C-alpha atoms as a PDB file:
ATOM      1  CA  MET A   1       5.836 294.807 -21.080  1.00  0.00           C
ATOM      2  CA  SER A   2       3.867 294.623 -17.857  1.00  0.00           C
ATOM      3  CA  PHE A   3       2.678 291.112 -18.696  1.00  0.00           C
ATOM      4  CA  LEU A   4       6.195 289.742 -19.279  1.00  0.00           C
ATOM      5  CA  LEU A   5       7.527 291.356 -16.113  1.00  0.00           C
ATOM      6  CA  CYS A   6       4.641 289.894 -14.091  1.00  0.00           C
ATOM      7  CA  LEU A   7       5.281 286.484 -15.600  1.00  0.00           C
ATOM      8  CA  LEU A   8       8.964 286.719 -14.681  1.00  0.00           C
ATOM      9  CA  VAL A   9       8.024 287.613 -11.103  1.00  0.00           C
ATOM     10  CA  VAL A  10       5.725 284.564 -10.935  1.00  0.00           C
ATOM     11  CA  LEU A  11       8.534 282.326 -12.171  1.00  0.00           C
ATOM     12  CA  VAL A  12      10.994 283.728  -9.603  1.00  0.00           C
ATOM     13  CA  ALA A  13       8.434 283.285  -6.798  1.00  0.00           C
ATOM     14  CA  VAL A  14       7.743 279.659  -7.745  1.00  0.00           C
ATOM     15  CA  VAL A  15      11.443 278.790  -7.985  1.00  0.00           C
ATOM     16  CA  SER A  16      12.077 280.516  -4.637  1.00  0.00           C
ATOM     17  CA  GLY A  17       9.235 278.535  -3.092  1.00  0.00           C
ATOM     18  CA  VAL A  18      10.692 275.243  -4.302  1.00  0.00           C
ATOM     19  CA  VAL A  19      14.184 276.168  -3.036  1.00  0.00           C
ATOM     20  CA  PHE A  20      12.808 277.264   0.356  1.00  0.00           C
ATOM     21  CA  LEU A  21      10.800 274.070   0.669  1.00  0.00           C
ATOM     22  CA  GLY A  22      13.816 271.904  -0.138  1.00  0.00           C
ATOM     23  CA  ARG A  23      16.048 273.714   2.353  1.00  0.00           C
ATOM     24  CA  GLY A  24      13.328 273.640   4.971  1.00  0.00           C
ATOM     25  CA  LEU A  25      12.715 269.918   4.717  1.00  0.00           C
ATOM     26  CA  ALA A  26      16.458 269.242   4.818  1.00  0.00           C
ATOM     27  CA  CYS A  27      16.801 271.311   8.022  1.00  0.00           C
ATOM     28  CA  VAL A  28      13.782 269.771   9.749  1.00  0.00           C
ATOM     29  CA  TRP A  29      14.979 266.216   9.172  1.00  0.00           C
ATOM     30  CA  ARG A  30      18.439 266.891  10.648  1.00  0.00           C
ATOM     31  CA  GLY A  31      17.007 267.409  14.137  1.00  0.00           C
ATOM     32  CA  GLY A  32      17.757 269.837  16.919  1.00  0.00           C
ATOM     33  CA  LEU A  33      15.518 272.699  18.001  1.00  0.00           C
ATOM     34  CA  ALA A  34      17.402 275.478  16.206  1.00  0.00           C
ATOM     35  CA  ARG A  35      17.574 273.539  12.946  1.00  0.00           C
ATOM     36  CA  SER A  36      13.920 272.542  13.199  1.00  0.00           C
ATOM     37  CA  LEU A  37      12.872 276.168  13.724  1.00  0.00           C
ATOM     38  CA  ARG A  38      15.064 277.259  10.817  1.00  0.00           C
ATOM     39  CA  GLY A  39      13.574 274.526   8.647  1.00  0.00           C
ATOM     40  CA  LEU A  40      10.054 275.519   9.620  1.00  0.00           C
ATOM     41  CA  ALA A  41      10.918 279.132   8.769  1.00  0.00           C
ATOM     42  CA  TYR A  42      11.992 277.988   5.294  1.00  0.00           C
ATOM     43  CA  VAL A  43       8.795 275.970   4.827  1.00  0.00           C
ATOM     44  CA  VAL A  44       6.627 278.941   5.853  1.00  0.00           C
ATOM     45  CA  ALA A  45       8.681 281.200   3.541  1.00  0.00           C
ATOM     46  CA  ALA A  46       7.962 278.709   0.747  1.00  0.00           C
ATOM     47  CA  GLY A  47       4.262 279.122   1.501  1.00  0.00           C
ATOM     48  CA  ALA A  48       4.637 282.891   1.306  1.00  0.00           C
ATOM     49  CA  ALA A  49       6.441 282.627  -2.039  1.00  0.00           C
ATOM     50  CA  VAL A  50       3.720 280.369  -3.428  1.00  0.00           C
ATOM     51  CA  MET A  51       0.985 282.722  -2.144  1.00  0.00           C
ATOM     52  CA  TYR A  52       2.761 285.643  -3.844  1.00  0.00           C
ATOM     53  CA  ALA A  53       2.980 283.634  -7.066  1.00  0.00           C
ATOM     54  CA  TRP A  54      -0.742 282.805  -6.814  1.00  0.00           C
ATOM     55  CA  GLY A  55      -1.652 286.481  -6.466  1.00  0.00           C
ATOM     56  CA  MET A  56       0.667 287.469  -9.293  1.00  0.00           C
ATOM     57  CA  LEU A  57      -0.866 284.792 -11.534  1.00  0.00           C
ATOM     58  CA  HIS A  58      -4.180 286.594 -11.146  1.00  0.00           C
ATOM     59  CA  VAL A  59      -2.458 289.871 -12.012  1.00  0.00           C
ATOM     60  CA  VAL A  60      -0.753 288.253 -15.036  1.00  0.00           C
ATOM     61  CA  GLY A  61      -4.101 287.002 -16.329  1.00  0.00           C
ATOM     62  CA  ALA A  62      -5.688 290.400 -15.883  1.00  0.00           C
ATOM     63  CA  ALA A  63      -2.739 292.197 -17.515  1.00  0.00           C
ATOM     64  CA  LEU A  64      -2.806 289.791 -20.443  1.00  0.00           C
ATOM     65  CA  GLU A  65      -6.494 290.400 -20.925  1.00  0.00           C
ATOM     66  CA  ALA A  66      -6.055 294.176 -20.525  1.00  0.00           C
ATOM     67  CA  GLU A  67      -3.216 294.316 -23.076  1.00  0.00           C
ATOM     68  CA  ASP A  68      -5.230 292.341 -25.605  1.00  0.00           C
ATOM     69  CA  GLY A  69      -6.447 294.710 -28.293  1.00  0.00           C
ATOM     70  CA  GLY A  70      -9.317 294.006 -30.592  1.00  0.00           C
ATOM     71  CA  ALA A  71     -12.992 294.613 -31.058  1.00  0.00           C
ATOM     72  CA  ASP A  72     -14.040 294.167 -27.425  1.00  0.00           C
ATOM     73  CA  SER A  73     -11.049 295.780 -25.708  1.00  0.00           C
ATOM     74  CA  SER A  74     -12.593 299.072 -24.612  1.00  0.00           C
ATOM     75  CA  PRO A  75     -13.352 299.512 -21.775  1.00  0.00           C
ATOM     76  CA  ILE A  76     -10.588 297.322 -20.344  1.00  0.00           C
ATOM     77  CA  ARG A  77     -12.111 293.866 -19.829  1.00  0.00           C
ATOM     78  CA  PRO A  78     -10.714 292.988 -16.393  1.00  0.00           C
ATOM     79  CA  CYS A  79     -11.932 296.343 -15.056  1.00  0.00           C
ATOM     80  CA  ARG A  80     -15.530 296.007 -16.175  1.00  0.00           C
ATOM     81  CA  THR A  81     -18.088 296.098 -13.395  1.00  0.00           C
ATOM     82  CA  GLY A  82     -21.189 295.327 -15.421  1.00  0.00           C
ATOM     83  CA  VAL A  83     -22.639 298.833 -15.134  1.00  0.00           C
ATOM     84  CA  ARG A  84     -22.218 300.370 -18.586  1.00  0.00           C
ATOM     85  CA  GLU A  85     -22.496 303.956 -17.409  1.00  0.00           C
ATOM     86  CA  ARG A  86     -19.560 303.464 -15.019  1.00  0.00           C
ATOM     87  CA  ASP A  87     -17.505 301.187 -17.300  1.00  0.00           C
ATOM     88  CA  TYR A  88     -17.119 303.852 -19.983  1.00  0.00           C
ATOM     89  CA  TRP A  89     -15.143 305.974 -17.504  1.00  0.00           C
ATOM     90  CA  ILE A  90     -12.408 303.298 -17.215  1.00  0.00           C
ATOM     91  CA  ASP A  91      -9.261 304.466 -18.943  1.00  0.00           C
ATOM     92  CA  ASP A  92      -6.200 302.791 -17.348  1.00  0.00           C
ATOM     93  CA  TYR A  93      -4.907 300.135 -14.960  1.00  0.00           C
ATOM     94  CA  HIS A  94      -1.877 299.751 -12.711  1.00  0.00           C
ATOM     95  CA  VAL A  95      -0.076 296.723 -11.308  1.00  0.00           C
ATOM     96  CA  TRP A  96       1.108 296.863  -7.695  1.00  0.00           C
ATOM     97  CA  TRP A  97       3.813 294.424  -6.655  1.00  0.00           C
ATOM     98  CA  VAL A  98       3.488 294.796  -2.882  1.00  0.00           C
ATOM     99  CA  PRO A  99       0.702 294.392  -1.915  1.00  0.00           C
ATOM    100  CA  VAL A 100      -0.328 292.321  -4.910  1.00  0.00           C
ATOM    101  CA  ARG A 101      -2.992 294.381  -6.672  1.00  0.00           C
ATOM    102  CA  PHE A 102      -4.508 295.025 -10.072  1.00  0.00           C
ATOM    103  CA  VAL A 103      -5.940 298.535  -9.843  1.00  0.00           C
ATOM    104  CA  CYS A 104      -8.370 299.982 -12.376  1.00  0.00           C
ATOM    105  CA  GLN A 105      -8.537 303.730 -12.834  1.00  0.00           C
ATOM    106  CA  ARG A 106     -11.423 305.837 -14.063  1.00  0.00           C
ATOM    107  CA  SER A 107     -10.964 309.116 -15.913  1.00  0.00           C
ATOM    108  CA  ASP A 108     -12.332 311.043 -12.900  1.00  0.00           C
ATOM    109  CA  GLY A 109      -9.347 309.802 -10.837  1.00  0.00           C
ATOM    110  CA  THR A 110     -11.108 307.150  -8.735  1.00  0.00           C
ATOM    111  CA  THR A 111      -9.563 303.694  -8.511  1.00  0.00           C
ATOM    112  CA  TYR A 112     -10.687 300.227  -7.450  1.00  0.00           C
ATOM    113  CA  ASP A 113      -9.116 296.779  -7.159  1.00  0.00           C
ATOM    114  CA  ARG A 114      -9.951 293.811  -9.370  1.00  0.00           C
ATOM    115  CA  GLU A 115      -8.859 290.244 -10.059  1.00  0.00           C
ATOM    116  CA  VAL A 116      -6.745 289.406  -6.983  1.00  0.00           C
ATOM    117  CA  PRO A 117      -8.623 287.323  -4.376  1.00  0.00           C
ATOM    118  CA  GLY A 118      -9.103 289.066  -1.045  1.00  0.00           C
ATOM    119  CA  TYR A 119      -7.279 286.404   0.972  1.00  0.00           C
ATOM    120  CA  VAL A 120      -3.954 286.691  -0.884  1.00  0.00           C
ATOM    121  CA  ASN A 121      -2.459 289.790   0.754  1.00  0.00           C
ATOM    122  CA  PRO A 122      -3.476 288.977   4.372  1.00  0.00           C
ATOM    123  CA  ALA A 123      -2.189 285.413   3.974  1.00  0.00           C
ATOM    124  CA  LEU A 124       1.017 286.705   2.403  1.00  0.00           C
ATOM    125  CA  ALA A 125       1.556 289.133   5.277  1.00  0.00           C
ATOM    126  CA  GLY A 126       0.852 286.470   7.907  1.00  0.00           C
ATOM    127  CA  LEU A 127       3.169 283.927   6.307  1.00  0.00           C
ATOM    128  CA  THR A 128       5.958 286.478   5.890  1.00  0.00           C
ATOM    129  CA  VAL A 129       5.747 287.648   9.508  1.00  0.00           C
ATOM    130  CA  SER A 130       5.629 284.035  10.710  1.00  0.00           C
ATOM    131  CA  ALA A 131       8.693 283.081   8.648  1.00  0.00           C
ATOM    132  CA  VAL A 132      10.669 286.030  10.017  1.00  0.00           C
ATOM    133  CA  ALA A 133       9.597 285.251  13.598  1.00  0.00           C
ATOM    134  CA  LEU A 134      10.629 281.607  13.199  1.00  0.00           C
ATOM    135  CA  ALA A 135      13.998 282.620  11.726  1.00  0.00           C
ATOM    136  CA  VAL A 136      14.637 285.029  14.610  1.00  0.00           C
ATOM    137  CA  SER A 137      13.637 282.315  17.095  1.00  0.00           C
ATOM    138  CA  ALA A 138      16.011 279.846  15.459  1.00  0.00           C
ATOM    139  CA  ARG A 139      18.869 282.341  15.669  1.00  0.00           C
ATOM    140  CA  SER A 140      18.050 283.057  19.320  1.00  0.00           C
ATOM    141  CA  VAL A 141      17.980 279.359  20.237  1.00  0.00           C
ATOM    142  CA  SER A 142      21.230 278.800  18.361  1.00  0.00           C
ATOM    143  CA  ALA A 143      22.919 281.705  20.170  1.00  0.00           C
ATOM    144  CA  ARG A 144      21.688 280.479  23.560  1.00  0.00           C
ATOM    145  CA  SER A 145      22.940 276.965  22.958  1.00  0.00           C
ATOM    146  CA  ALA A 146      26.322 278.314  21.793  1.00  0.00           C
ATOM    147  CA  SER A 147      26.668 280.462  24.919  1.00  0.00           C
ATOM    148  CA  ALA A 148      25.629 277.524  27.109  1.00  0.00           C
ATOM    149  CA  ARG A 149      28.297 275.362  25.460  1.00  0.00           C
ATOM    150  CA  SER A 150      30.972 277.991  26.071  1.00  0.00           C
ATOM    151  CA  VAL A 151      29.954 278.252  29.743  1.00  0.00           C
ATOM    152  CA  ASP A 152      30.153 274.454  30.075  1.00  0.00           C
ATOM    153  CA  GLU A 153      33.595 274.399  28.467  1.00  0.00           C
ATOM    154  CA  ARG A 154      34.875 277.100  30.846  1.00  0.00           C
ATOM    155  CA  ALA A 155      33.493 275.182  33.816  1.00  0.00           C
ATOM    156  CA  ARG A 156      35.327 272.006  32.766  1.00  0.00           C
ATOM    157  CA  ARG A 157      38.721 273.722  32.563  1.00  0.00           C
ATOM    158  CA  PRO A 158      40.945 273.196  35.613  1.00  0.00           C
END
């Protein structure tokens, strides 16, 4: 179940990234500061969606390997550290959606992360914050230009 849900999340993230990229490129090419900022926000959001999909692909691979039964399935393969004495304590794993994590749990209650590269979550956070900041900037520039237009129109009236 966890594997299929993770795979669905990867698919949604990739499709969202493609849609964001398309909208972003369309906005950037139209011109104007507000539209360019909005387009750049979409492009950065596409990068965030792709980074999320990349992290979730690692989680999907680990979940697929963890769910695989068979002769060599205990202890859970993605959680193995290479130290046999510690690996026999591994009894479960958990998938975290935000931040993207594959967490292995030992029977004594301790946990540790595996499988997701260390750069994924910081890059995802940076891209998300940048996309939001660009979107807010685009809205601010758009509001300023609209208020400047209304002031100009009032000044032109007799």
